[in-house]
ModelCIF file with pLDDT and N, C-alpha, C, O atoms, coordinates in Angstrom:
data_MODEL
#
_entry.id   MODEL 
#
_entity.id                         1 
_entity.type                       polymer 
_entity.pdbx_number_of_molecules   1 
#
_entity_poly.entity_id                      1 
_entity_poly.type                           'polypeptide(L)' 
_entity_poly.nstd_linkage                   no 
_entity_poly.nstd_monomer                   no 
_entity_poly.pdbx_seq_one_letter_code       RAVFDTSGNVIGMSGILRDITDRKRIEDALRESEEKFRSIVETSPNL 
_entity_poly.pdbx_seq_one_letter_code_can   RAVFDTSGNVIGMSGILRDITDRKRIEDALRESEEKFRSIVETSPNL 
_entity_poly.pdbx_strand_id                 A 
#
loop_
_entity_poly_seq.entity_id 
_entity_poly_seq.num 
_entity_poly_seq.mon_id 
_entity_poly_seq.hetero 
1 1  ARG n 
1 2  ALA n 
1 3  VAL n 
1 4  PHE n 
1 5  ASP n 
1 6  THR n 
1 7  SER n 
1 8  GLY n 
1 9  ASN n 
1 10 VAL n 
1 11 ILE n 
1 12 GLY n 
1 13 MET n 
1 14 SER n 
1 15 GLY n 
1 16 ILE n 
1 17 LEU n 
1 18 ARG n 
1 19 ASP n 
1 20 ILE n 
1 21 THR n 
1 22 ASP n 
1 23 ARG n 
1 24 LYS n 
1 25 ARG n 
1 26 ILE n 
1 27 GLU n 
1 28 ASP n 
1 29 ALA n 
1 30 LEU n 
1 31 ARG n 
1 32 GLU n 
1 33 SER n 
1 34 GLU n 
1 35 GLU n 
1 36 LYS n 
1 37 PHE n 
1 38 ARG n 
1 39 SER n 
1 40 ILE n 
1 41 VAL n 
1 42 GLU n 
1 43 THR n 
1 44 SER n 
1 45 PRO n 
1 46 ASN n 
1 47 LEU n 
#
_struct_asym.id          A 
_struct_asym.entity_id   1 
#
loop_
_ma_qa_metric.id 
_ma_qa_metric.mode 
_ma_qa_metric.name 
_ma_qa_metric.software_group_id 
_ma_qa_metric.type 
1 global pLDDT . pLDDT 
2 local  pLDDT . pLDDT 
#
_ma_qa_metric_global.metric_id      1 
_ma_qa_metric_global.metric_value   87.57 
_ma_qa_metric_global.model_id       1 
_ma_qa_metric_global.ordinal_id     1 
#
loop_
_ma_qa_metric_local.label_asym_id 
_ma_qa_metric_local.label_comp_id 
_ma_qa_metric_local.label_seq_id 
_ma_qa_metric_local.metric_id 
_ma_qa_metric_local.metric_value 
_ma_qa_metric_local.model_id 
_ma_qa_metric_local.ordinal_id 
A ARG 1  2 95.00 1 1  
A ALA 2  2 94.00 1 2  
A VAL 3  2 95.00 1 3  
A PHE 4  2 94.00 1 4  
A ASP 5  2 94.00 1 5  
A THR 6  2 95.00 1 6  
A SER 7  2 95.00 1 7  
A GLY 8  2 92.00 1 8  
A ASN 9  2 92.00 1 9  
A VAL 10 2 93.00 1 10 
A ILE 11 2 94.00 1 11 
A GLY 12 2 94.00 1 12 
A MET 13 2 95.00 1 13 
A SER 14 2 95.00 1 14 
A GLY 15 2 94.00 1 15 
A ILE 16 2 95.00 1 16 
A LEU 17 2 95.00 1 17 
A ARG 18 2 95.00 1 18 
A ASP 19 2 96.00 1 19 
A ILE 20 2 96.00 1 20 
A THR 21 2 94.00 1 21 
A ASP 22 2 90.00 1 22 
A ARG 23 2 91.00 1 23 
A LYS 24 2 90.00 1 24 
A ARG 25 2 89.00 1 25 
A ILE 26 2 89.00 1 26 
A GLU 27 2 88.00 1 27 
A ASP 28 2 84.00 1 28 
A ALA 29 2 87.00 1 29 
A LEU 30 2 89.00 1 30 
A ARG 31 2 87.00 1 31 
A GLU 32 2 87.00 1 32 
A SER 33 2 87.00 1 33 
A GLU 34 2 87.00 1 34 
A GLU 35 2 86.00 1 35 
A LYS 36 2 84.00 1 36 
A PHE 37 2 82.00 1 37 
A ARG 38 2 80.00 1 38 
A SER 39 2 80.00 1 39 
A ILE 40 2 78.00 1 40 
A VAL 41 2 76.00 1 41 
A GLU 42 2 78.00 1 42 
A THR 43 2 79.00 1 43 
A SER 44 2 72.00 1 44 
A PRO 45 2 66.00 1 45 
A ASN 46 2 68.00 1 46 
A LEU 47 2 60.00 1 47 
#
loop_
_atom_site.group_PDB 
_atom_site.id 
_atom_site.type_symbol 
_atom_site.label_atom_id 
_atom_site.label_alt_id 
_atom_site.label_comp_id 
_atom_site.label_asym_id 
_atom_site.label_entity_id 
_atom_site.label_seq_id 
_atom_site.pdbx_PDB_ins_code 
_atom_site.Cartn_x 
_atom_site.Cartn_y 
_atom_site.Cartn_z 
_atom_site.occupancy 
_atom_site.B_iso_or_equiv 
_atom_site.pdbx_formal_charge 
_atom_site.auth_seq_id 
_atom_site.auth_comp_id 
_atom_site.auth_asym_id 
_atom_site.auth_atom_id 
_atom_site.pdbx_PDB_model_num 
ATOM 1   N N  . ARG A 1 1  ? -215.476 120.848 -88.453  1.00 95.00 ? 1  ARG A N  1 
ATOM 2   C CA . ARG A 1 1  ? -215.476 122.151 -89.114  1.00 95.00 ? 1  ARG A CA 1 
ATOM 3   C C  . ARG A 1 1  ? -215.220 121.962 -90.591  1.00 95.00 ? 1  ARG A C  1 
ATOM 4   O O  . ARG A 1 1  ? -214.752 120.911 -91.028  1.00 95.00 ? 1  ARG A O  1 
ATOM 5   N N  . ALA A 1 2  ? -215.530 122.977 -91.345  1.00 94.00 ? 2  ALA A N  1 
ATOM 6   C CA . ALA A 1 2  ? -215.362 122.925 -92.797  1.00 94.00 ? 2  ALA A CA 1 
ATOM 7   C C  . ALA A 1 2  ? -213.883 123.027 -93.158  1.00 94.00 ? 2  ALA A C  1 
ATOM 8   O O  . ALA A 1 2  ? -213.094 123.657 -92.453  1.00 94.00 ? 2  ALA A O  1 
ATOM 9   N N  . VAL A 1 3  ? -213.528 122.392 -94.275  1.00 95.00 ? 3  VAL A N  1 
ATOM 10  C CA . VAL A 1 3  ? -212.197 122.514 -94.860  1.00 95.00 ? 3  VAL A CA 1 
ATOM 11  C C  . VAL A 1 3  ? -212.380 123.320 -96.147  1.00 95.00 ? 3  VAL A C  1 
ATOM 12  O O  . VAL A 1 3  ? -213.257 123.021 -96.957  1.00 95.00 ? 3  VAL A O  1 
ATOM 13  N N  . PHE A 1 4  ? -211.549 124.335 -96.323  1.00 94.00 ? 4  PHE A N  1 
ATOM 14  C CA . PHE A 1 4  ? -211.668 125.238 -97.464  1.00 94.00 ? 4  PHE A CA 1 
ATOM 15  C C  . PHE A 1 4  ? -210.484 125.084 -98.411  1.00 94.00 ? 4  PHE A C  1 
ATOM 16  O O  . PHE A 1 4  ? -209.377 124.746 -97.991  1.00 94.00 ? 4  PHE A O  1 
ATOM 17  N N  . ASP A 1 5  ? -210.733 125.336 -99.698  1.00 94.00 ? 5  ASP A N  1 
ATOM 18  C CA . ASP A 1 5  ? -209.618 125.388 -100.649 1.00 94.00 ? 5  ASP A CA 1 
ATOM 19  C C  . ASP A 1 5  ? -209.054 126.810 -100.645 1.00 94.00 ? 5  ASP A C  1 
ATOM 20  O O  . ASP A 1 5  ? -209.518 127.661 -99.887  1.00 94.00 ? 5  ASP A O  1 
ATOM 21  N N  . THR A 1 6  ? -208.065 127.063 -101.482 1.00 95.00 ? 6  THR A N  1 
ATOM 22  C CA . THR A 1 6  ? -207.414 128.374 -101.482 1.00 95.00 ? 6  THR A CA 1 
ATOM 23  C C  . THR A 1 6  ? -208.329 129.496 -101.956 1.00 95.00 ? 6  THR A C  1 
ATOM 24  O O  . THR A 1 6  ? -208.042 130.668 -101.716 1.00 95.00 ? 6  THR A O  1 
ATOM 25  N N  . SER A 1 7  ? -209.421 129.154 -102.623 1.00 95.00 ? 7  SER A N  1 
ATOM 26  C CA . SER A 1 7  ? -210.385 130.163 -103.073 1.00 95.00 ? 7  SER A CA 1 
ATOM 27  C C  . SER A 1 7  ? -211.486 130.419 -102.049 1.00 95.00 ? 7  SER A C  1 
ATOM 28  O O  . SER A 1 7  ? -212.357 131.261 -102.270 1.00 95.00 ? 7  SER A O  1 
ATOM 29  N N  . GLY A 1 8  ? -211.452 129.694 -100.923 1.00 92.00 ? 8  GLY A N  1 
ATOM 30  C CA . GLY A 1 8  ? -212.461 129.884 -99.887  1.00 92.00 ? 8  GLY A CA 1 
ATOM 31  C C  . GLY A 1 8  ? -213.690 129.014 -100.040 1.00 92.00 ? 8  GLY A C  1 
ATOM 32  O O  . GLY A 1 8  ? -214.669 129.199 -99.318  1.00 92.00 ? 8  GLY A O  1 
ATOM 33  N N  . ASN A 1 9  ? -213.660 128.068 -100.963 1.00 92.00 ? 9  ASN A N  1 
ATOM 34  C CA . ASN A 1 9  ? -214.784 127.146 -101.151 1.00 92.00 ? 9  ASN A CA 1 
ATOM 35  C C  . ASN A 1 9  ? -214.655 125.961 -100.197 1.00 92.00 ? 9  ASN A C  1 
ATOM 36  O O  . ASN A 1 9  ? -213.556 125.454 -99.971  1.00 92.00 ? 9  ASN A O  1 
ATOM 37  N N  . VAL A 1 10 ? -215.775 125.527 -99.642  1.00 93.00 ? 10 VAL A N  1 
ATOM 38  C CA . VAL A 1 10 ? -215.768 124.352 -98.771  1.00 93.00 ? 10 VAL A CA 1 
ATOM 39  C C  . VAL A 1 10 ? -215.523 123.122 -99.640  1.00 93.00 ? 10 VAL A C  1 
ATOM 40  O O  . VAL A 1 10 ? -216.226 122.891 -100.624 1.00 93.00 ? 10 VAL A O  1 
ATOM 41  N N  . ILE A 1 11 ? -214.506 122.329 -99.259  1.00 94.00 ? 11 ILE A N  1 
ATOM 42  C CA . ILE A 1 11 ? -214.181 121.120 -100.017 1.00 94.00 ? 11 ILE A CA 1 
ATOM 43  C C  . ILE A 1 11 ? -214.340 119.851 -99.190  1.00 94.00 ? 11 ILE A C  1 
ATOM 44  O O  . ILE A 1 11 ? -214.125 118.745 -99.686  1.00 94.00 ? 11 ILE A O  1 
ATOM 45  N N  . GLY A 1 12 ? -214.718 120.019 -97.929  1.00 94.00 ? 12 GLY A N  1 
ATOM 46  C CA . GLY A 1 12 ? -214.911 118.864 -97.073  1.00 94.00 ? 12 GLY A CA 1 
ATOM 47  C C  . GLY A 1 12 ? -215.031 119.280 -95.623  1.00 94.00 ? 12 GLY A C  1 
ATOM 48  O O  . GLY A 1 12 ? -215.332 120.431 -95.305  1.00 94.00 ? 12 GLY A O  1 
ATOM 49  N N  . MET A 1 13 ? -214.787 118.319 -94.753  1.00 95.00 ? 13 MET A N  1 
ATOM 50  C CA . MET A 1 13 ? -214.875 118.564 -93.316  1.00 95.00 ? 13 MET A CA 1 
ATOM 51  C C  . MET A 1 13 ? -213.724 117.853 -92.619  1.00 95.00 ? 13 MET A C  1 
ATOM 52  O O  . MET A 1 13 ? -213.206 116.851 -93.112  1.00 95.00 ? 13 MET A O  1 
ATOM 53  N N  . SER A 1 14 ? -213.338 118.379 -91.480  1.00 95.00 ? 14 SER A N  1 
ATOM 54  C CA . SER A 1 14 ? -212.403 117.677 -90.612  1.00 95.00 ? 14 SER A CA 1 
ATOM 55  C C  . SER A 1 14 ? -212.996 117.705 -89.218  1.00 95.00 ? 14 SER A C  1 
ATOM 56  O O  . SER A 1 14 ? -213.744 118.617 -88.865  1.00 95.00 ? 14 SER A O  1 
ATOM 57  N N  . GLY A 1 15 ? -212.655 116.701 -88.431  1.00 94.00 ? 15 GLY A N  1 
ATOM 58  C CA . GLY A 1 15 ? -213.241 116.662 -87.108  1.00 94.00 ? 15 GLY A CA 1 
ATOM 59  C C  . GLY A 1 15 ? -212.483 115.781 -86.143  1.00 94.00 ? 15 GLY A C  1 
ATOM 60  O O  . GLY A 1 15 ? -211.538 115.074 -86.494  1.00 94.00 ? 15 GLY A O  1 
ATOM 61  N N  . ILE A 1 16 ? -212.941 115.860 -84.921  1.00 95.00 ? 16 ILE A N  1 
ATOM 62  C CA . ILE A 1 16 ? -212.395 115.064 -83.831  1.00 95.00 ? 16 ILE A CA 1 
ATOM 63  C C  . ILE A 1 16 ? -213.553 114.319 -83.186  1.00 95.00 ? 16 ILE A C  1 
ATOM 64  O O  . ILE A 1 16 ? -214.545 114.922 -82.778  1.00 95.00 ? 16 ILE A O  1 
ATOM 65  N N  . LEU A 1 17 ? -213.416 113.013 -83.101  1.00 95.00 ? 17 LEU A N  1 
ATOM 66  C CA . LEU A 1 17 ? -214.424 112.164 -82.471  1.00 95.00 ? 17 LEU A CA 1 
ATOM 67  C C  . LEU A 1 17 ? -213.912 111.734 -81.101  1.00 95.00 ? 17 LEU A C  1 
ATOM 68  O O  . LEU A 1 17 ? -212.820 111.178 -80.983  1.00 95.00 ? 17 LEU A O  1 
ATOM 69  N N  . ARG A 1 18 ? -214.703 111.994 -80.077  1.00 95.00 ? 18 ARG A N  1 
ATOM 70  C CA . ARG A 1 18 ? -214.341 111.604 -78.712  1.00 95.00 ? 18 ARG A CA 1 
ATOM 71  C C  . ARG A 1 18 ? -215.359 110.583 -78.215  1.00 95.00 ? 18 ARG A C  1 
ATOM 72  O O  . ARG A 1 18 ? -216.566 110.803 -78.306  1.00 95.00 ? 18 ARG A O  1 
ATOM 73  N N  . ASP A 1 19 ? -214.870 109.483 -77.699  1.00 96.00 ? 19 ASP A N  1 
ATOM 74  C CA . ASP A 1 19 ? -215.742 108.445 -77.155  1.00 96.00 ? 19 ASP A CA 1 
ATOM 75  C C  . ASP A 1 19 ? -216.294 108.921 -75.814  1.00 96.00 ? 19 ASP A C  1 
ATOM 76  O O  . ASP A 1 19 ? -215.537 109.182 -74.878  1.00 96.00 ? 19 ASP A O  1 
ATOM 77  N N  . ILE A 1 20 ? -217.609 109.032 -75.730  1.00 96.00 ? 20 ILE A N  1 
ATOM 78  C CA . ILE A 1 20 ? -218.262 109.480 -74.488  1.00 96.00 ? 20 ILE A CA 1 
ATOM 79  C C  . ILE A 1 20 ? -219.177 108.385 -73.944  1.00 96.00 ? 20 ILE A C  1 
ATOM 80  O O  . ILE A 1 20 ? -220.118 108.671 -73.203  1.00 96.00 ? 20 ILE A O  1 
ATOM 81  N N  . THR A 1 21 ? -218.903 107.144 -74.307  1.00 94.00 ? 21 THR A N  1 
ATOM 82  C CA . THR A 1 21 ? -219.745 106.020 -73.880  1.00 94.00 ? 21 THR A CA 1 
ATOM 83  C C  . THR A 1 21 ? -219.835 105.943 -72.364  1.00 94.00 ? 21 THR A C  1 
ATOM 84  O O  . THR A 1 21 ? -220.932 105.788 -71.828  1.00 94.00 ? 21 THR A O  1 
ATOM 85  N N  . ASP A 1 22 ? -218.719 106.047 -71.661  1.00 90.00 ? 22 ASP A N  1 
ATOM 86  C CA . ASP A 1 22 ? -218.739 105.972 -70.198  1.00 90.00 ? 22 ASP A CA 1 
ATOM 87  C C  . ASP A 1 22 ? -219.563 107.109 -69.604  1.00 90.00 ? 22 ASP A C  1 
ATOM 88  O O  . ASP A 1 22 ? -220.329 106.899 -68.664  1.00 90.00 ? 22 ASP A O  1 
ATOM 89  N N  . ARG A 1 23 ? -219.406 108.304 -70.149  1.00 91.00 ? 23 ARG A N  1 
ATOM 90  C CA . ARG A 1 23 ? -220.184 109.445 -69.658  1.00 91.00 ? 23 ARG A CA 1 
ATOM 91  C C  . ARG A 1 23 ? -221.675 109.206 -69.853  1.00 91.00 ? 23 ARG A C  1 
ATOM 92  O O  . ARG A 1 23 ? -222.469 109.505 -68.961  1.00 91.00 ? 23 ARG A O  1 
ATOM 93  N N  . LYS A 1 24 ? -222.066 108.670 -71.005  1.00 90.00 ? 24 LYS A N  1 
ATOM 94  C CA . LYS A 1 24 ? -223.482 108.391 -71.270  1.00 90.00 ? 24 LYS A CA 1 
ATOM 95  C C  . LYS A 1 24 ? -224.019 107.327 -70.307  1.00 90.00 ? 24 LYS A C  1 
ATOM 96  O O  . LYS A 1 24 ? -225.151 107.440 -69.836  1.00 90.00 ? 24 LYS A O  1 
ATOM 97  N N  . ARG A 1 25 ? -223.228 106.308 -70.015  1.00 89.00 ? 25 ARG A N  1 
ATOM 98  C CA . ARG A 1 25 ? -223.659 105.275 -69.057  1.00 89.00 ? 25 ARG A CA 1 
ATOM 99  C C  . ARG A 1 25 ? -223.878 105.873 -67.676  1.00 89.00 ? 25 ARG A C  1 
ATOM 100 O O  . ARG A 1 25 ? -224.850 105.542 -66.998  1.00 89.00 ? 25 ARG A O  1 
ATOM 101 N N  . ILE A 1 26 ? -222.979 106.746 -67.263  1.00 89.00 ? 26 ILE A N  1 
ATOM 102 C CA . ILE A 1 26 ? -223.122 107.400 -65.954  1.00 89.00 ? 26 ILE A CA 1 
ATOM 103 C C  . ILE A 1 26 ? -224.361 108.281 -65.940  1.00 89.00 ? 26 ILE A C  1 
ATOM 104 O O  . ILE A 1 26 ? -225.117 108.278 -64.969  1.00 89.00 ? 26 ILE A O  1 
ATOM 105 N N  . GLU A 1 27 ? -224.574 109.039 -67.018  1.00 88.00 ? 27 GLU A N  1 
ATOM 106 C CA . GLU A 1 27 ? -225.773 109.884 -67.110  1.00 88.00 ? 27 GLU A CA 1 
ATOM 107 C C  . GLU A 1 27 ? -227.042 109.040 -67.049  1.00 88.00 ? 27 GLU A C  1 
ATOM 108 O O  . GLU A 1 27 ? -228.002 109.414 -66.375  1.00 88.00 ? 27 GLU A O  1 
ATOM 109 N N  . ASP A 1 28 ? -227.053 107.903 -67.749  1.00 84.00 ? 28 ASP A N  1 
ATOM 110 C CA . ASP A 1 28 ? -228.225 107.021 -67.738  1.00 84.00 ? 28 ASP A CA 1 
ATOM 111 C C  . ASP A 1 28 ? -228.457 106.446 -66.346  1.00 84.00 ? 28 ASP A C  1 
ATOM 112 O O  . ASP A 1 28 ? -229.598 106.369 -65.892  1.00 84.00 ? 28 ASP A O  1 
ATOM 113 N N  . ALA A 1 29 ? -227.380 106.038 -65.660  1.00 87.00 ? 29 ALA A N  1 
ATOM 114 C CA . ALA A 1 29 ? -227.512 105.490 -64.307  1.00 87.00 ? 29 ALA A CA 1 
ATOM 115 C C  . ALA A 1 29 ? -228.034 106.555 -63.347  1.00 87.00 ? 29 ALA A C  1 
ATOM 116 O O  . ALA A 1 29 ? -228.870 106.262 -62.493  1.00 87.00 ? 29 ALA A O  1 
ATOM 117 N N  . LEU A 1 30 ? -227.553 107.773 -63.481  1.00 89.00 ? 30 LEU A N  1 
ATOM 118 C CA . LEU A 1 30 ? -228.023 108.865 -62.632  1.00 89.00 ? 30 LEU A CA 1 
ATOM 119 C C  . LEU A 1 30 ? -229.496 109.160 -62.899  1.00 89.00 ? 30 LEU A C  1 
ATOM 120 O O  . LEU A 1 30 ? -230.270 109.348 -61.960  1.00 89.00 ? 30 LEU A O  1 
ATOM 121 N N  . ARG A 1 31 ? -229.886 109.201 -64.159  1.00 87.00 ? 31 ARG A N  1 
ATOM 122 C CA . ARG A 1 31 ? -231.281 109.452 -64.510  1.00 87.00 ? 31 ARG A CA 1 
ATOM 123 C C  . ARG A 1 31 ? -232.175 108.342 -63.950  1.00 87.00 ? 31 ARG A C  1 
ATOM 124 O O  . ARG A 1 31 ? -233.249 108.620 -63.416  1.00 87.00 ? 31 ARG A O  1 
ATOM 125 N N  . GLU A 1 32 ? -231.739 107.101 -64.070  1.00 87.00 ? 32 GLU A N  1 
ATOM 126 C CA . GLU A 1 32 ? -232.509 105.969 -63.545  1.00 87.00 ? 32 GLU A CA 1 
ATOM 127 C C  . GLU A 1 32 ? -232.652 106.064 -62.030  1.00 87.00 ? 32 GLU A C  1 
ATOM 128 O O  . GLU A 1 32 ? -233.722 105.799 -61.483  1.00 87.00 ? 32 GLU A O  1 
ATOM 129 N N  . SER A 1 33 ? -231.575 106.439 -61.360  1.00 87.00 ? 33 SER A N  1 
ATOM 130 C CA . SER A 1 33 ? -231.606 106.592 -59.907  1.00 87.00 ? 33 SER A CA 1 
ATOM 131 C C  . SER A 1 33 ? -232.563 107.718 -59.501  1.00 87.00 ? 33 SER A C  1 
ATOM 132 O O  . SER A 1 33 ? -233.335 107.563 -58.554  1.00 87.00 ? 33 SER A O  1 
ATOM 133 N N  . GLU A 1 34 ? -232.518 108.839 -60.207  1.00 87.00 ? 34 GLU A N  1 
ATOM 134 C CA . GLU A 1 34 ? -233.416 109.955 -59.913  1.00 87.00 ? 34 GLU A CA 1 
ATOM 135 C C  . GLU A 1 34 ? -234.875 109.554 -60.119  1.00 87.00 ? 34 GLU A C  1 
ATOM 136 O O  . GLU A 1 34 ? -235.743 109.936 -59.335  1.00 87.00 ? 34 GLU A O  1 
ATOM 137 N N  . GLU A 1 35 ? -235.145 108.779 -61.181  1.00 86.00 ? 35 GLU A N  1 
ATOM 138 C CA . GLU A 1 35 ? -236.511 108.329 -61.444  1.00 86.00 ? 35 GLU A CA 1 
ATOM 139 C C  . GLU A 1 35 ? -237.004 107.404 -60.338  1.00 86.00 ? 35 GLU A C  1 
ATOM 140 O O  . GLU A 1 35 ? -238.161 107.499 -59.927  1.00 86.00 ? 35 GLU A O  1 
ATOM 141 N N  . LYS A 1 36 ? -236.150 106.513 -59.851  1.00 84.00 ? 36 LYS A N  1 
ATOM 142 C CA . LYS A 1 36 ? -236.538 105.612 -58.755  1.00 84.00 ? 36 LYS A CA 1 
ATOM 143 C C  . LYS A 1 36 ? -236.831 106.411 -57.500  1.00 84.00 ? 36 LYS A C  1 
ATOM 144 O O  . LYS A 1 36 ? -237.824 106.162 -56.817  1.00 84.00 ? 36 LYS A O  1 
ATOM 145 N N  . PHE A 1 37 ? -235.961 107.377 -57.192  1.00 82.00 ? 37 PHE A N  1 
ATOM 146 C CA . PHE A 1 37 ? -236.155 108.201 -56.006  1.00 82.00 ? 37 PHE A CA 1 
ATOM 147 C C  . PHE A 1 37 ? -237.450 108.998 -56.124  1.00 82.00 ? 37 PHE A C  1 
ATOM 148 O O  . PHE A 1 37 ? -238.218 109.079 -55.166  1.00 82.00 ? 37 PHE A O  1 
ATOM 149 N N  . ARG A 1 38 ? -237.692 109.582 -57.285  1.00 80.00 ? 38 ARG A N  1 
ATOM 150 C CA . ARG A 1 38 ? -238.909 110.362 -57.513  1.00 80.00 ? 38 ARG A CA 1 
ATOM 151 C C  . ARG A 1 38 ? -240.134 109.467 -57.355  1.00 80.00 ? 38 ARG A C  1 
ATOM 152 O O  . ARG A 1 38 ? -241.131 109.889 -56.770  1.00 80.00 ? 38 ARG A O  1 
ATOM 153 N N  . SER A 1 39 ? -240.077 108.258 -57.858  1.00 80.00 ? 39 SER A N  1 
ATOM 154 C CA . SER A 1 39 ? -241.189 107.321 -57.753  1.00 80.00 ? 39 SER A CA 1 
ATOM 155 C C  . SER A 1 39 ? -241.471 106.981 -56.294  1.00 80.00 ? 39 SER A C  1 
ATOM 156 O O  . SER A 1 39 ? -242.628 106.914 -55.881  1.00 80.00 ? 39 SER A O  1 
ATOM 157 N N  . ILE A 1 40 ? -240.427 106.771 -55.524  1.00 78.00 ? 40 ILE A N  1 
ATOM 158 C CA . ILE A 1 40 ? -240.594 106.456 -54.098  1.00 78.00 ? 40 ILE A CA 1 
ATOM 159 C C  . ILE A 1 40 ? -241.248 107.631 -53.380  1.00 78.00 ? 40 ILE A C  1 
ATOM 160 O O  . ILE A 1 40 ? -242.174 107.447 -52.589  1.00 78.00 ? 40 ILE A O  1 
ATOM 161 N N  . VAL A 1 41 ? -240.764 108.839 -53.659  1.00 76.00 ? 41 VAL A N  1 
ATOM 162 C CA . VAL A 1 41 ? -241.288 110.033 -53.006  1.00 76.00 ? 41 VAL A CA 1 
ATOM 163 C C  . VAL A 1 41 ? -242.747 110.264 -53.401  1.00 76.00 ? 41 VAL A C  1 
ATOM 164 O O  . VAL A 1 41 ? -243.569 110.629 -52.561  1.00 76.00 ? 41 VAL A O  1 
ATOM 165 N N  . GLU A 1 42 ? -243.063 110.055 -54.665  1.00 78.00 ? 42 GLU A N  1 
ATOM 166 C CA . GLU A 1 42 ? -244.425 110.293 -55.134  1.00 78.00 ? 42 GLU A CA 1 
ATOM 167 C C  . GLU A 1 42 ? -245.423 109.278 -54.572  1.00 78.00 ? 42 GLU A C  1 
ATOM 168 O O  . GLU A 1 42 ? -246.582 109.617 -54.332  1.00 78.00 ? 42 GLU A O  1 
ATOM 169 N N  . THR A 1 43 ? -244.978 108.035 -54.360  1.00 79.00 ? 43 THR A N  1 
ATOM 170 C CA . THR A 1 43 ? -245.893 107.012 -53.843  1.00 79.00 ? 43 THR A CA 1 
ATOM 171 C C  . THR A 1 43 ? -245.943 107.019 -52.332  1.00 79.00 ? 43 THR A C  1 
ATOM 172 O O  . THR A 1 43 ? -246.884 106.483 -51.747  1.00 79.00 ? 43 THR A O  1 
ATOM 173 N N  . SER A 1 44 ? -244.968 107.603 -51.694  1.00 72.00 ? 44 SER A N  1 
ATOM 174 C CA . SER A 1 44 ? -244.946 107.653 -50.225  1.00 72.00 ? 44 SER A CA 1 
ATOM 175 C C  . SER A 1 44 ? -244.608 109.054 -49.748  1.00 72.00 ? 44 SER A C  1 
ATOM 176 O O  . SER A 1 44 ? -243.499 109.276 -49.262  1.00 72.00 ? 44 SER A O  1 
ATOM 177 N N  . PRO A 1 45 ? -245.520 110.005 -49.869  1.00 66.00 ? 45 PRO A N  1 
ATOM 178 C CA . PRO A 1 45 ? -245.216 111.405 -49.516  1.00 66.00 ? 45 PRO A CA 1 
ATOM 179 C C  . PRO A 1 45 ? -244.938 111.582 -48.025  1.00 66.00 ? 45 PRO A C  1 
ATOM 180 O O  . PRO A 1 45 ? -244.324 112.580 -47.647  1.00 66.00 ? 45 PRO A O  1 
ATOM 181 N N  . ASN A 1 46 ? -245.359 110.665 -47.169  1.00 68.00 ? 46 ASN A N  1 
ATOM 182 C CA . ASN A 1 46 ? -245.140 110.825 -45.721  1.00 68.00 ? 46 ASN A CA 1 
ATOM 183 C C  . ASN A 1 46 ? -243.727 110.437 -45.310  1.00 68.00 ? 46 ASN A C  1 
ATOM 184 O O  . ASN A 1 46 ? -243.381 110.599 -44.139  1.00 68.00 ? 46 ASN A O  1 
ATOM 185 N N  . LEU A 1 47 ? -242.894 109.933 -46.214  1.00 60.00 ? 47 LEU A N  1 
ATOM 186 C CA . LEU A 1 47 ? -241.536 109.542 -45.870  1.00 60.00 ? 47 LEU A CA 1 
ATOM 187 C C  . LEU A 1 47 ? -240.644 110.752 -45.649  1.00 60.00 ? 47 LEU A C  1 
ATOM 188 O O  . LEU A 1 47 ? -239.459 110.600 -45.349  1.00 60.00 ? 47 LEU A O  1 
#
């Protein structure tokens, strides 16, 4: 978010950084698994 001076002018920013690396890895693994499952279903519709 913006940081303001006493006159209301933006003088910078402050923020919070959260590491979401593990969440991204899980999301990527889930997406990869869904793609494999979709590929199996699409190539073998009688399953």
